[in-house]
Amino acid sequence: MENIHILLVEDEESLASFVSTELSFEGYEVERAADGEQALKIFITVSAISGI
């Protein structure tokens, strides 16, 4: 399976942890953000590194 990256945006820590763990278990690479501002920063950083 090709590395598939998921940006998970969730402000409830317990839910974010659960979903992130399950997605990682299924082989996905997960980046987590607690809000839209943090998600945008992660997206810009990751897309600059990966050339998206």
Protein backbone atom coordinates (compact mmCIF):
# COMPACT_ATOMS: atom_id res chain seq x y z
CA MET A 1 0.00 0.00 0.00
CA GLU A 2 1.29 3.40 -0.96
CA ASN A 3 1.83 5.87 1.91
CA ILE A 4 -1.42 7.73 2.26
CA HIS A 5 -1.31 10.81 4.47
CA ILE A 6 -4.35 11.99 6.39
CA LEU A 7 -4.71 15.33 8.13
CA LEU A 8 -7.08 14.74 11.04
CA VAL A 9 -8.65 17.88 12.48
CA GLU A 10 -10.45 17.29 15.77
CA ASP A 11 -10.54 19.38 18.93
CA GLU A 12 -11.66 16.59 21.25
CA GLU A 13 -8.41 14.92 22.32
CA SER A 14 -9.85 11.50 23.17
CA LEU A 15 -11.64 11.21 19.82
CA ALA A 16 -8.59 12.46 17.90
CA SER A 17 -6.40 9.93 19.69
CA PHE A 18 -8.80 7.06 18.97
CA VAL A 19 -9.24 7.90 15.27
CA SER A 20 -5.53 8.54 14.80
CA THR A 21 -4.64 5.21 16.38
CA GLU A 22 -7.13 3.31 14.23
CA LEU A 23 -5.97 4.99 11.02
CA SER A 24 -2.32 4.34 11.87
CA PHE A 25 -3.17 0.70 12.58
CA GLU A 26 -4.66 0.49 9.08
CA GLY A 27 -1.40 1.78 7.59
CA TYR A 28 -2.14 5.46 7.08
CA GLU A 29 0.25 8.24 8.07
CA VAL A 30 -1.70 10.63 10.27
CA GLU A 31 -1.02 14.26 11.12
CA ARG A 32 -3.24 15.69 13.85
CA ALA A 33 -4.48 19.22 14.37
CA ALA A 34 -6.76 20.56 17.08
CA ASP A 35 -8.22 23.39 15.00
CA GLY A 36 -8.33 24.89 11.53
CA GLU A 37 -5.44 27.28 12.10
CA GLN A 38 -3.14 24.48 13.20
CA ALA A 39 -4.37 22.28 10.33
CA LEU A 40 -3.53 24.97 7.79
CA LYS A 41 0.00 25.34 9.20
CA ILE A 42 0.54 21.57 9.05
CA PHE A 43 -0.87 21.39 5.53
CA ILE A 44 1.41 24.17 4.28
CA THR A 45 4.47 22.58 5.92
CA VAL A 46 3.75 19.05 4.71
CA SER A 47 2.82 20.13 1.18
CA ALA A 48 6.01 22.19 0.90
CA ILE A 49 8.10 19.19 1.97
CA SER A 50 6.31 16.67 -0.26
CA GLY A 51 5.88 18.97 -3.25
CA ILE A 52 2.11 18.80 -3.40
